[in-house]
N, C-alpha and C. Protein backbone atom coordinates (compact mmCIF):
# COMPACT_ATOMS: atom_id res chain seq x y z
N UNK A 1 22.84 -53.46 12.97
CA UNK A 1 21.80 -52.51 13.27
C UNK A 1 22.18 -51.66 14.47
N UNK A 2 22.75 -52.32 15.50
CA UNK A 2 23.15 -51.60 16.70
C UNK A 2 24.24 -50.58 16.34
N UNK A 3 25.19 -50.98 15.47
CA UNK A 3 26.26 -50.07 15.07
C UNK A 3 25.70 -48.89 14.26
N UNK A 4 24.70 -49.16 13.45
CA UNK A 4 24.08 -48.10 12.66
C UNK A 4 23.42 -47.07 13.57
N UNK A 5 22.73 -47.52 14.61
CA UNK A 5 22.11 -46.59 15.56
C UNK A 5 23.16 -45.78 16.31
N UNK A 6 24.26 -46.43 16.71
CA UNK A 6 25.32 -45.72 17.40
C UNK A 6 25.96 -44.68 16.47
N UNK A 7 26.19 -45.08 15.22
CA UNK A 7 26.77 -44.16 14.24
C UNK A 7 25.84 -42.98 14.00
N UNK A 8 24.54 -43.24 13.85
CA UNK A 8 23.56 -42.18 13.63
C UNK A 8 23.53 -41.24 14.83
N UNK A 9 23.55 -41.78 16.03
CA UNK A 9 23.54 -40.95 17.24
C UNK A 9 24.80 -40.09 17.30
N UNK A 10 25.94 -40.66 16.92
CA UNK A 10 27.19 -39.92 16.91
C UNK A 10 27.14 -38.76 15.90
N UNK A 11 26.63 -39.04 14.70
CA UNK A 11 26.51 -38.01 13.67
C UNK A 11 25.58 -36.90 14.13
N UNK A 12 24.43 -37.25 14.71
CA UNK A 12 23.49 -36.24 15.19
C UNK A 12 24.09 -35.40 16.33
N UNK A 13 24.83 -36.05 17.22
CA UNK A 13 25.47 -35.31 18.31
C UNK A 13 26.50 -34.34 17.77
N UNK A 14 27.30 -34.78 16.79
CA UNK A 14 28.30 -33.90 16.18
C UNK A 14 27.63 -32.73 15.47
N UNK A 15 26.56 -33.00 14.74
CA UNK A 15 25.84 -31.94 14.03
C UNK A 15 25.27 -30.92 15.02
N UNK A 16 24.76 -31.40 16.14
CA UNK A 16 24.22 -30.48 17.15
C UNK A 16 25.31 -29.62 17.75
N UNK A 17 26.47 -30.24 18.02
CA UNK A 17 27.59 -29.47 18.56
C UNK A 17 28.08 -28.44 17.55
N UNK A 18 28.18 -28.82 16.29
CA UNK A 18 28.65 -27.90 15.26
C UNK A 18 27.68 -26.74 15.11
N UNK A 19 26.39 -27.02 15.06
CA UNK A 19 25.39 -25.96 14.93
C UNK A 19 25.40 -25.08 16.16
N UNK A 20 25.57 -25.68 17.32
CA UNK A 20 25.60 -24.91 18.56
C UNK A 20 26.80 -24.00 18.62
N UNK A 21 27.95 -24.45 18.09
CA UNK A 21 29.14 -23.62 18.11
C UNK A 21 28.93 -22.38 17.25
N UNK A 22 28.28 -22.50 16.12
CA UNK A 22 28.05 -21.36 15.24
C UNK A 22 26.90 -20.50 15.78
N UNK A 23 25.95 -21.10 16.50
CA UNK A 23 24.78 -20.38 16.97
C UNK A 23 25.01 -19.71 18.33
N UNK A 24 26.21 -19.84 18.89
CA UNK A 24 26.46 -19.28 20.20
C UNK A 24 26.34 -17.76 20.20
N UNK A 25 26.06 -17.20 21.35
CA UNK A 25 25.98 -15.76 21.50
C UNK A 25 27.39 -15.21 21.61
N UNK A 26 27.68 -14.19 20.81
CA UNK A 26 28.99 -13.56 20.79
C UNK A 26 28.91 -12.24 21.53
N UNK A 27 29.73 -12.08 22.56
CA UNK A 27 29.73 -10.85 23.34
C UNK A 27 30.76 -9.88 22.80
N UNK A 28 30.42 -8.60 22.86
CA UNK A 28 31.31 -7.55 22.38
C UNK A 28 31.85 -6.79 23.59
N UNK A 29 33.16 -6.58 23.60
CA UNK A 29 33.80 -5.87 24.71
C UNK A 29 33.46 -4.38 24.63
N UNK A 30 33.31 -3.71 25.75
CA UNK A 30 33.04 -2.27 25.74
C UNK A 30 34.13 -1.51 24.98
N UNK A 31 33.74 -0.64 24.08
CA UNK A 31 34.69 0.16 23.31
C UNK A 31 35.41 -0.58 22.19
N UNK A 32 35.07 -1.84 21.99
CA UNK A 32 35.74 -2.64 20.95
C UNK A 32 35.31 -2.14 19.56
N UNK A 33 36.27 -1.91 18.68
CA UNK A 33 35.95 -1.42 17.33
C UNK A 33 35.24 -2.52 16.53
N UNK A 34 34.55 -2.11 15.47
CA UNK A 34 33.87 -3.08 14.61
C UNK A 34 34.86 -4.11 14.08
N UNK A 35 36.01 -3.64 13.59
CA UNK A 35 37.00 -4.54 13.00
C UNK A 35 37.58 -5.49 14.04
N UNK A 36 37.91 -4.98 15.23
CA UNK A 36 38.46 -5.84 16.28
C UNK A 36 37.43 -6.89 16.72
N UNK A 37 36.17 -6.47 16.87
CA UNK A 37 35.12 -7.40 17.26
C UNK A 37 34.94 -8.48 16.20
N UNK A 38 34.85 -8.08 14.94
CA UNK A 38 34.64 -9.05 13.85
C UNK A 38 35.80 -10.04 13.77
N UNK A 39 37.01 -9.53 13.87
CA UNK A 39 38.20 -10.40 13.79
C UNK A 39 38.21 -11.41 14.92
N UNK A 40 37.89 -10.96 16.12
CA UNK A 40 37.87 -11.86 17.28
C UNK A 40 36.70 -12.83 17.21
N UNK A 41 35.50 -12.32 16.94
CA UNK A 41 34.30 -13.16 16.95
C UNK A 41 34.35 -14.26 15.89
N UNK A 42 34.89 -13.93 14.72
CA UNK A 42 34.95 -14.91 13.62
C UNK A 42 36.27 -15.67 13.57
N UNK A 43 37.16 -15.35 14.52
CA UNK A 43 38.48 -16.00 14.60
C UNK A 43 39.24 -15.90 13.28
N UNK A 44 39.30 -14.69 12.75
CA UNK A 44 39.94 -14.47 11.45
C UNK A 44 41.45 -14.41 11.60
N UNK A 45 42.17 -15.04 10.67
CA UNK A 45 43.64 -14.93 10.70
C UNK A 45 44.08 -13.52 10.28
N UNK A 46 45.33 -13.18 10.55
CA UNK A 46 45.85 -11.84 10.26
C UNK A 46 45.79 -11.48 8.79
N UNK A 47 45.88 -12.47 7.90
CA UNK A 47 45.91 -12.20 6.46
C UNK A 47 44.52 -12.28 5.81
N UNK A 48 43.44 -12.19 6.60
CA UNK A 48 42.08 -12.34 6.06
C UNK A 48 41.56 -11.09 5.36
N UNK A 49 42.22 -9.95 5.53
CA UNK A 49 41.82 -8.70 4.89
C UNK A 49 40.33 -8.41 5.12
N UNK A 50 39.89 -8.35 6.40
CA UNK A 50 38.46 -8.13 6.66
C UNK A 50 38.02 -6.69 6.43
N UNK A 51 36.75 -6.55 6.05
CA UNK A 51 36.09 -5.25 5.92
C UNK A 51 34.77 -5.34 6.68
N UNK A 52 34.39 -4.25 7.33
CA UNK A 52 33.13 -4.23 8.08
C UNK A 52 32.22 -3.14 7.55
N UNK A 53 30.92 -3.43 7.58
CA UNK A 53 29.89 -2.47 7.19
C UNK A 53 28.78 -2.51 8.23
N UNK A 54 28.70 -1.49 9.10
CA UNK A 54 27.61 -1.47 10.08
C UNK A 54 26.31 -1.00 9.42
N UNK A 55 25.19 -1.59 9.84
CA UNK A 55 23.88 -1.21 9.29
C UNK A 55 22.81 -1.58 10.31
N UNK A 56 21.62 -1.08 10.08
CA UNK A 56 20.45 -1.50 10.84
C UNK A 56 19.52 -2.19 9.85
N UNK A 57 19.25 -3.48 10.11
CA UNK A 57 18.44 -4.28 9.19
C UNK A 57 17.15 -4.66 9.88
N UNK A 58 16.04 -4.12 9.42
CA UNK A 58 14.72 -4.38 10.03
C UNK A 58 14.75 -4.16 11.54
N UNK A 59 15.42 -3.09 11.96
CA UNK A 59 15.47 -2.72 13.37
C UNK A 59 16.60 -3.35 14.16
N UNK A 60 17.32 -4.31 13.59
CA UNK A 60 18.39 -4.99 14.32
C UNK A 60 19.76 -4.46 13.90
N UNK A 61 20.55 -3.94 14.86
CA UNK A 61 21.91 -3.54 14.52
C UNK A 61 22.68 -4.75 13.98
N UNK A 62 23.29 -4.57 12.81
CA UNK A 62 23.95 -5.68 12.13
C UNK A 62 25.30 -5.20 11.62
N UNK A 63 26.33 -6.00 11.85
CA UNK A 63 27.66 -5.70 11.35
C UNK A 63 27.97 -6.73 10.27
N UNK A 64 28.07 -6.27 9.03
CA UNK A 64 28.42 -7.16 7.92
C UNK A 64 29.94 -7.22 7.82
N UNK A 65 30.46 -8.44 7.70
CA UNK A 65 31.90 -8.65 7.65
C UNK A 65 32.23 -9.50 6.43
N UNK A 66 33.11 -8.99 5.57
CA UNK A 66 33.61 -9.82 4.48
C UNK A 66 35.12 -9.94 4.64
N UNK A 67 35.66 -11.07 4.19
CA UNK A 67 37.09 -11.33 4.34
C UNK A 67 37.51 -12.34 3.29
N UNK A 68 38.82 -12.50 3.09
CA UNK A 68 39.30 -13.50 2.13
C UNK A 68 39.75 -14.75 2.87
N UNK A 69 39.51 -15.88 2.21
CA UNK A 69 39.94 -17.16 2.77
C UNK A 69 41.42 -17.37 2.42
N UNK A 70 42.05 -18.31 3.09
CA UNK A 70 43.47 -18.56 2.91
C UNK A 70 43.74 -19.71 1.94
N UNK A 71 42.91 -19.88 0.94
CA UNK A 71 43.09 -20.95 -0.03
C UNK A 71 44.00 -20.49 -1.16
N UNK A 72 44.42 -21.42 -2.01
CA UNK A 72 45.25 -21.07 -3.17
C UNK A 72 44.51 -20.08 -4.07
N UNK A 73 43.22 -20.27 -4.23
CA UNK A 73 42.36 -19.34 -4.96
C UNK A 73 41.33 -18.81 -3.97
N UNK A 74 41.65 -17.71 -3.27
CA UNK A 74 40.80 -17.22 -2.18
C UNK A 74 39.39 -16.84 -2.63
N UNK A 75 38.45 -17.07 -1.72
CA UNK A 75 37.07 -16.64 -1.91
C UNK A 75 36.78 -15.56 -0.89
N UNK A 76 35.60 -14.93 -0.99
CA UNK A 76 35.25 -13.86 -0.06
C UNK A 76 33.91 -14.18 0.61
N UNK A 77 33.94 -14.80 1.82
CA UNK A 77 32.70 -14.99 2.58
C UNK A 77 32.17 -13.65 3.10
N UNK A 78 30.85 -13.58 3.23
CA UNK A 78 30.18 -12.44 3.85
C UNK A 78 29.34 -12.99 5.00
N UNK A 79 29.55 -12.43 6.19
CA UNK A 79 28.87 -12.88 7.41
C UNK A 79 28.18 -11.67 8.04
N UNK A 80 27.01 -11.89 8.61
CA UNK A 80 26.30 -10.84 9.36
C UNK A 80 26.42 -11.17 10.85
N UNK A 81 26.93 -10.23 11.62
CA UNK A 81 26.92 -10.34 13.07
C UNK A 81 25.76 -9.47 13.54
N UNK A 82 24.68 -10.13 13.96
CA UNK A 82 23.44 -9.40 14.26
C UNK A 82 23.19 -9.37 15.77
N UNK A 83 22.95 -8.16 16.26
CA UNK A 83 22.68 -7.98 17.70
C UNK A 83 21.33 -8.59 18.04
N UNK A 84 21.28 -9.31 19.15
CA UNK A 84 20.07 -9.98 19.61
C UNK A 84 19.36 -9.12 20.66
N UNK A 85 18.07 -9.27 20.76
CA UNK A 85 17.28 -8.48 21.72
C UNK A 85 17.75 -8.70 23.15
N UNK A 86 18.18 -9.92 23.47
CA UNK A 86 18.61 -10.25 24.81
C UNK A 86 20.07 -9.85 25.07
N UNK A 87 20.73 -9.26 24.08
CA UNK A 87 22.14 -8.89 24.20
C UNK A 87 23.02 -9.86 23.46
N UNK A 88 24.22 -9.46 23.18
CA UNK A 88 25.14 -10.29 22.42
C UNK A 88 24.79 -10.29 20.95
N UNK A 89 25.61 -10.96 20.18
CA UNK A 89 25.43 -11.05 18.73
C UNK A 89 25.38 -12.51 18.31
N UNK A 90 24.82 -12.76 17.14
CA UNK A 90 24.90 -14.09 16.55
C UNK A 90 25.45 -13.94 15.13
N UNK A 91 26.20 -14.95 14.69
CA UNK A 91 26.80 -14.95 13.35
C UNK A 91 25.87 -15.67 12.39
N UNK A 92 25.64 -15.04 11.23
CA UNK A 92 24.78 -15.61 10.19
C UNK A 92 25.55 -15.58 8.88
N UNK A 93 25.73 -16.74 8.26
CA UNK A 93 26.40 -16.80 6.96
C UNK A 93 25.48 -16.20 5.90
N UNK A 94 26.00 -15.24 5.13
CA UNK A 94 25.20 -14.59 4.11
C UNK A 94 25.46 -15.26 2.77
N UNK A 95 26.68 -15.18 2.27
CA UNK A 95 27.03 -15.74 0.96
C UNK A 95 28.54 -15.86 0.87
N UNK A 96 29.00 -16.49 -0.20
CA UNK A 96 30.43 -16.58 -0.49
C UNK A 96 30.65 -16.08 -1.91
N UNK A 97 31.52 -15.10 -2.05
CA UNK A 97 31.94 -14.64 -3.37
C UNK A 97 32.99 -15.58 -3.89
N UNK A 98 32.63 -16.38 -4.88
CA UNK A 98 33.51 -17.41 -5.40
C UNK A 98 34.57 -16.81 -6.32
N UNK A 99 35.57 -17.61 -6.62
CA UNK A 99 36.60 -17.23 -7.59
C UNK A 99 35.98 -17.11 -8.97
N UNK A 100 36.28 -16.04 -9.66
CA UNK A 100 35.79 -15.86 -11.02
C UNK A 100 36.84 -15.02 -11.74
N UNK A 101 38.03 -15.63 -11.93
CA UNK A 101 39.14 -14.88 -12.50
C UNK A 101 39.79 -13.97 -11.47
N UNK A 102 39.43 -14.14 -10.22
CA UNK A 102 39.95 -13.35 -9.11
C UNK A 102 39.00 -13.40 -7.94
N UNK A 103 39.44 -12.85 -6.82
CA UNK A 103 38.60 -12.79 -5.63
C UNK A 103 37.72 -11.54 -5.73
N UNK A 104 36.42 -11.67 -5.50
CA UNK A 104 35.54 -10.51 -5.64
C UNK A 104 35.67 -9.53 -4.48
N UNK A 105 35.11 -8.36 -4.69
CA UNK A 105 34.89 -7.39 -3.62
C UNK A 105 33.39 -7.35 -3.36
N UNK A 106 33.03 -7.08 -2.11
CA UNK A 106 31.64 -6.77 -1.81
C UNK A 106 31.51 -5.29 -2.12
N UNK A 107 30.93 -4.99 -3.26
CA UNK A 107 30.86 -3.61 -3.75
C UNK A 107 29.84 -2.79 -2.98
N UNK A 108 28.68 -3.39 -2.66
CA UNK A 108 27.64 -2.65 -1.96
C UNK A 108 26.73 -3.59 -1.19
N UNK A 109 26.19 -3.06 -0.11
CA UNK A 109 25.18 -3.73 0.71
C UNK A 109 24.05 -2.74 0.90
N UNK A 110 22.81 -3.20 0.72
CA UNK A 110 21.65 -2.33 0.92
C UNK A 110 20.43 -3.15 1.25
N UNK A 111 19.30 -2.48 1.37
CA UNK A 111 18.05 -3.13 1.76
C UNK A 111 16.91 -2.60 0.92
N UNK A 112 15.98 -3.48 0.59
CA UNK A 112 14.76 -3.10 -0.13
C UNK A 112 13.77 -4.23 0.01
N UNK A 113 12.51 -3.95 -0.26
CA UNK A 113 11.51 -5.01 -0.25
C UNK A 113 11.62 -5.77 -1.57
N UNK A 114 11.85 -7.07 -1.48
CA UNK A 114 12.00 -7.90 -2.67
C UNK A 114 11.04 -9.08 -2.66
N UNK A 115 10.03 -9.02 -1.79
CA UNK A 115 8.93 -9.99 -1.79
C UNK A 115 7.70 -9.26 -1.26
N UNK A 116 6.71 -9.94 -0.89
CA UNK A 116 5.46 -9.27 -0.54
C UNK A 116 5.24 -9.08 0.97
N UNK A 117 6.25 -9.36 1.79
CA UNK A 117 6.07 -9.14 3.23
C UNK A 117 6.58 -7.76 3.62
N UNK A 118 6.45 -7.42 4.90
CA UNK A 118 6.82 -6.08 5.37
C UNK A 118 8.33 -5.91 5.57
N UNK A 119 9.06 -7.00 5.75
CA UNK A 119 10.50 -6.90 6.01
C UNK A 119 11.27 -6.50 4.76
N UNK A 120 12.37 -5.78 5.00
CA UNK A 120 13.27 -5.44 3.89
C UNK A 120 14.28 -6.58 3.71
N UNK A 121 14.55 -6.90 2.47
CA UNK A 121 15.50 -7.95 2.15
C UNK A 121 16.89 -7.33 1.93
N UNK A 122 17.91 -8.17 2.01
CA UNK A 122 19.30 -7.74 1.87
C UNK A 122 19.73 -7.79 0.40
N UNK A 123 20.35 -6.71 -0.06
CA UNK A 123 20.93 -6.64 -1.40
C UNK A 123 22.44 -6.70 -1.25
N UNK A 124 23.08 -7.62 -1.95
CA UNK A 124 24.55 -7.70 -1.97
C UNK A 124 24.98 -7.61 -3.43
N UNK A 125 25.90 -6.70 -3.71
CA UNK A 125 26.46 -6.59 -5.06
C UNK A 125 27.93 -6.97 -4.97
N UNK A 126 28.29 -8.02 -5.72
CA UNK A 126 29.67 -8.49 -5.79
C UNK A 126 30.31 -7.99 -7.08
N UNK A 127 31.62 -7.73 -7.05
CA UNK A 127 32.33 -7.25 -8.24
C UNK A 127 33.69 -7.94 -8.34
N UNK A 128 33.97 -8.48 -9.52
CA UNK A 128 35.24 -9.13 -9.82
C UNK A 128 35.97 -8.33 -10.89
N UNK A 129 37.18 -7.91 -10.62
CA UNK A 129 37.99 -7.25 -11.64
C UNK A 129 38.43 -8.31 -12.65
N UNK A 130 38.31 -7.97 -13.93
CA UNK A 130 38.65 -8.92 -15.01
C UNK A 130 39.70 -8.28 -15.93
N UNK A 131 40.80 -8.97 -16.11
CA UNK A 131 41.82 -8.53 -17.07
C UNK A 131 42.23 -9.76 -17.87
N UNK A 132 41.82 -9.78 -19.13
CA UNK A 132 42.12 -10.90 -20.02
C UNK A 132 42.63 -10.35 -21.35
N UNK A 133 43.13 -11.22 -22.18
CA UNK A 133 43.66 -10.81 -23.47
C UNK A 133 42.60 -10.12 -24.32
N UNK A 134 41.40 -10.69 -24.36
CA UNK A 134 40.38 -10.18 -25.27
C UNK A 134 39.35 -9.24 -24.63
N UNK A 135 39.33 -9.12 -23.29
CA UNK A 135 38.45 -8.15 -22.65
C UNK A 135 38.96 -7.83 -21.25
N UNK A 136 38.52 -6.67 -20.75
CA UNK A 136 38.84 -6.30 -19.37
C UNK A 136 37.73 -5.40 -18.85
N UNK A 137 37.60 -5.38 -17.55
CA UNK A 137 36.57 -4.58 -16.91
C UNK A 137 36.19 -5.18 -15.59
N UNK A 138 34.89 -5.11 -15.26
CA UNK A 138 34.39 -5.62 -13.98
C UNK A 138 33.16 -6.47 -14.22
N UNK A 139 33.16 -7.66 -13.62
CA UNK A 139 32.01 -8.56 -13.64
C UNK A 139 31.22 -8.30 -12.37
N UNK A 140 29.91 -8.14 -12.50
CA UNK A 140 29.03 -7.85 -11.37
C UNK A 140 28.00 -8.96 -11.19
N UNK A 141 27.58 -9.17 -9.93
CA UNK A 141 26.46 -10.06 -9.65
C UNK A 141 25.67 -9.51 -8.47
N UNK A 142 24.34 -9.53 -8.61
CA UNK A 142 23.44 -9.08 -7.55
C UNK A 142 22.82 -10.31 -6.89
N UNK A 143 22.85 -10.34 -5.56
CA UNK A 143 22.22 -11.42 -4.80
C UNK A 143 21.31 -10.78 -3.76
N UNK A 144 20.09 -11.30 -3.65
CA UNK A 144 19.11 -10.80 -2.67
C UNK A 144 18.75 -11.92 -1.70
N UNK A 145 18.64 -11.56 -0.42
CA UNK A 145 18.42 -12.55 0.64
C UNK A 145 17.28 -12.13 1.55
N UNK A 146 16.51 -13.15 1.99
CA UNK A 146 15.48 -12.97 3.00
C UNK A 146 16.15 -12.68 4.35
N UNK A 147 15.51 -11.91 5.23
CA UNK A 147 16.06 -11.70 6.57
C UNK A 147 16.12 -13.03 7.33
N UNK A 148 17.02 -13.14 8.30
CA UNK A 148 17.13 -14.40 9.04
C UNK A 148 15.93 -14.63 9.96
N UNK A 149 15.57 -15.88 10.07
CA UNK A 149 14.55 -16.31 11.03
C UNK A 149 15.27 -16.67 12.33
N UNK A 150 14.56 -16.72 13.46
CA UNK A 150 15.21 -17.12 14.71
C UNK A 150 15.90 -18.48 14.57
N UNK A 151 17.14 -18.53 14.99
CA UNK A 151 17.91 -19.77 14.93
C UNK A 151 18.53 -20.09 13.59
N UNK A 152 18.21 -19.32 12.56
CA UNK A 152 18.74 -19.58 11.21
C UNK A 152 20.22 -19.18 11.16
N UNK A 153 21.07 -20.07 10.66
CA UNK A 153 22.52 -19.82 10.61
C UNK A 153 23.00 -19.39 9.23
N UNK A 154 22.16 -19.54 8.21
CA UNK A 154 22.53 -19.16 6.85
C UNK A 154 21.33 -18.55 6.15
N UNK A 155 21.56 -17.42 5.47
CA UNK A 155 20.47 -16.74 4.79
C UNK A 155 20.01 -17.50 3.55
N UNK A 156 18.77 -17.24 3.15
CA UNK A 156 18.17 -17.88 1.98
C UNK A 156 18.22 -16.93 0.79
N UNK A 157 18.83 -17.39 -0.29
CA UNK A 157 18.89 -16.61 -1.53
C UNK A 157 17.50 -16.57 -2.15
N UNK A 158 17.04 -15.38 -2.51
CA UNK A 158 15.71 -15.23 -3.09
C UNK A 158 15.73 -15.50 -4.59
N UNK A 159 14.69 -16.15 -5.13
CA UNK A 159 14.62 -16.41 -6.57
C UNK A 159 14.69 -15.13 -7.43
N UNK A 160 14.24 -13.99 -6.88
CA UNK A 160 14.27 -12.75 -7.65
C UNK A 160 15.70 -12.34 -8.00
N UNK A 161 16.69 -12.91 -7.34
CA UNK A 161 18.09 -12.64 -7.68
C UNK A 161 18.36 -12.96 -9.15
N UNK A 162 17.68 -13.98 -9.65
CA UNK A 162 17.87 -14.38 -11.05
C UNK A 162 17.45 -13.30 -12.04
N UNK A 163 16.58 -12.38 -11.63
CA UNK A 163 16.16 -11.28 -12.52
C UNK A 163 17.32 -10.33 -12.81
N UNK A 164 18.31 -10.32 -11.94
CA UNK A 164 19.46 -9.42 -12.09
C UNK A 164 20.65 -10.11 -12.73
N UNK A 165 20.77 -11.42 -12.49
CA UNK A 165 21.85 -12.20 -13.09
C UNK A 165 23.21 -11.60 -12.79
N UNK A 166 24.14 -11.91 -13.67
CA UNK A 166 25.49 -11.36 -13.60
C UNK A 166 25.77 -10.71 -14.94
N UNK A 167 26.62 -9.73 -14.92
CA UNK A 167 26.95 -9.05 -16.16
C UNK A 167 28.27 -8.33 -16.05
N UNK A 168 28.78 -7.94 -17.19
CA UNK A 168 30.10 -7.34 -17.25
C UNK A 168 30.02 -5.90 -17.75
N UNK A 169 30.74 -5.05 -17.11
CA UNK A 169 30.97 -3.69 -17.60
C UNK A 169 32.39 -3.76 -18.17
N UNK A 170 32.47 -4.17 -19.43
CA UNK A 170 33.76 -4.57 -20.01
C UNK A 170 34.00 -3.97 -21.38
N UNK A 171 35.26 -3.70 -21.64
CA UNK A 171 35.70 -3.34 -22.98
C UNK A 171 36.25 -4.58 -23.66
N UNK A 172 35.92 -4.76 -24.93
CA UNK A 172 36.37 -5.93 -25.68
C UNK A 172 37.37 -5.52 -26.74
N UNK A 173 38.34 -6.36 -26.95
CA UNK A 173 39.35 -6.11 -27.97
C UNK A 173 38.73 -6.13 -29.36
N UNK A 174 37.92 -7.15 -29.61
CA UNK A 174 37.23 -7.30 -30.89
C UNK A 174 35.74 -7.40 -30.63
N UNK A 175 35.04 -6.32 -30.81
CA UNK A 175 33.60 -6.35 -30.60
C UNK A 175 33.14 -5.22 -29.71
N UNK A 176 31.84 -5.12 -29.55
CA UNK A 176 31.29 -4.01 -28.77
C UNK A 176 31.53 -4.19 -27.26
N UNK A 177 31.59 -3.07 -26.57
CA UNK A 177 31.70 -3.09 -25.11
C UNK A 177 30.41 -3.64 -24.52
N UNK A 178 30.52 -4.22 -23.33
CA UNK A 178 29.35 -4.70 -22.61
C UNK A 178 29.03 -3.75 -21.47
N UNK A 179 27.75 -3.63 -21.14
CA UNK A 179 27.32 -2.78 -20.02
C UNK A 179 26.35 -3.56 -19.15
N UNK A 180 26.45 -3.34 -17.85
CA UNK A 180 25.57 -4.00 -16.87
C UNK A 180 24.81 -2.91 -16.12
N UNK A 181 23.52 -3.04 -16.02
CA UNK A 181 22.66 -2.00 -15.46
C UNK A 181 22.66 -1.92 -13.93
N UNK A 182 22.97 -3.01 -13.24
CA UNK A 182 22.70 -3.07 -11.80
C UNK A 182 23.99 -3.02 -10.97
N UNK A 183 24.73 -1.93 -11.11
CA UNK A 183 26.01 -1.78 -10.41
C UNK A 183 25.85 -1.04 -9.08
N UNK A 184 24.66 -0.55 -8.79
CA UNK A 184 24.42 0.21 -7.55
C UNK A 184 23.15 -0.29 -6.86
N UNK A 185 23.07 -0.05 -5.57
CA UNK A 185 21.86 -0.40 -4.82
C UNK A 185 20.67 0.38 -5.36
N UNK A 186 20.88 1.65 -5.75
CA UNK A 186 19.78 2.46 -6.30
C UNK A 186 19.22 1.83 -7.57
N UNK A 187 20.10 1.32 -8.44
CA UNK A 187 19.63 0.67 -9.68
C UNK A 187 18.85 -0.61 -9.37
N UNK A 188 19.29 -1.36 -8.36
CA UNK A 188 18.59 -2.59 -7.96
C UNK A 188 17.21 -2.23 -7.39
N UNK A 189 17.15 -1.21 -6.54
CA UNK A 189 15.87 -0.78 -5.96
C UNK A 189 14.91 -0.33 -7.05
N UNK A 190 15.40 0.40 -8.03
CA UNK A 190 14.54 0.88 -9.11
C UNK A 190 13.97 -0.30 -9.89
N UNK A 191 14.79 -1.32 -10.13
CA UNK A 191 14.30 -2.50 -10.87
C UNK A 191 13.30 -3.29 -10.03
N UNK A 192 13.54 -3.40 -8.73
CA UNK A 192 12.58 -4.08 -7.86
C UNK A 192 11.23 -3.34 -7.88
N UNK A 193 11.29 -2.03 -7.86
CA UNK A 193 10.05 -1.24 -7.93
C UNK A 193 9.34 -1.49 -9.26
N UNK A 194 10.12 -1.52 -10.35
CA UNK A 194 9.53 -1.78 -11.67
C UNK A 194 8.89 -3.15 -11.72
N UNK A 195 9.49 -4.13 -10.98
CA UNK A 195 8.95 -5.49 -10.95
C UNK A 195 7.72 -5.61 -10.03
N UNK A 196 7.40 -4.53 -9.32
CA UNK A 196 6.19 -4.55 -8.49
C UNK A 196 6.41 -4.82 -7.03
N UNK A 197 7.62 -4.71 -6.55
CA UNK A 197 7.89 -4.95 -5.11
C UNK A 197 7.90 -3.64 -4.34
């Protein structure tokens, strides 16, 4: 029993340290470019192929950063570096574009109301290039996220994301071509409006 309590205390201490390391305030050097800041703040390796998208999300300056992981089958994490009222930035994990016949691109980032509150939610459109014997084209997926709450380290995927699903804009060797309606933020916003948001 004593060992179990010690083990539990050790696990809780480690979890607190891990959460604290990710929740730390990140300072930006004067004149530092978006890419240099993102690379330094997230400790990205040289081969991470990072991309940055600056935006203002519900009044908070936010730098979205996507990059590739160094795995045998790389994935594409998306992180938000959000400026805090007291100064500095905090890192918030948004999503990971998984392998799906290749590493995806973050095709678009936008904002719209996707629930009944006043805040605008985040729209992320992922795109995977597909080249196969029987079809080729682009696979798309729309993901919508609630804005971060204070202290939140990872965004919450909204159930309305399922209304958009994933789809392919693909030509088929044998059979009809496929088309996907939600390849742009404007198309996603129009569908959200149609759904009553």
